[in-house]
Amino acid sequence: MTVKALYDYEFPSADRAEVFGDDQLVYVHWRGNPLFCSAACFRVPKTMTFAAFVTSTVHGWAASDPDFDPDSVTEWRLFDAPLSGGQDKSLADLGIGHKALLSFAA
């Protein structure tokens, strides 16, 4: 639903990319898990490798589900496209930008 302001609204977004410097916001969604019905948002460095992101950030968050098994994480997607690339590449190198949505199945 759109909202029409009654005046000129000229305030920059508080979560725009330039506010975060060398970091960025990345959303992560565990598809099909009823405990996590929506994506979680994490502030991480753009230069962080995908493997480090998964082990240090995603696994810690997902472990709050007692059924989580880190070895069962599969089918990573960036928005709606399959995520392809090396685990040793940075988030930026994989095309994971500010406010990107990653999802996985487990």
Foldseek 3Di string as FASTA:
>chain_A
DDDDDPDDDDDDDPQDPVNLPQKAKEWEAAPPDPVGPGTDIDIDGQQDFQLCCCVVPVCVVVVVPVPDDSVPKDQKDWQNHTQDDDRRGGCVVSVNGHHIYIYIYD
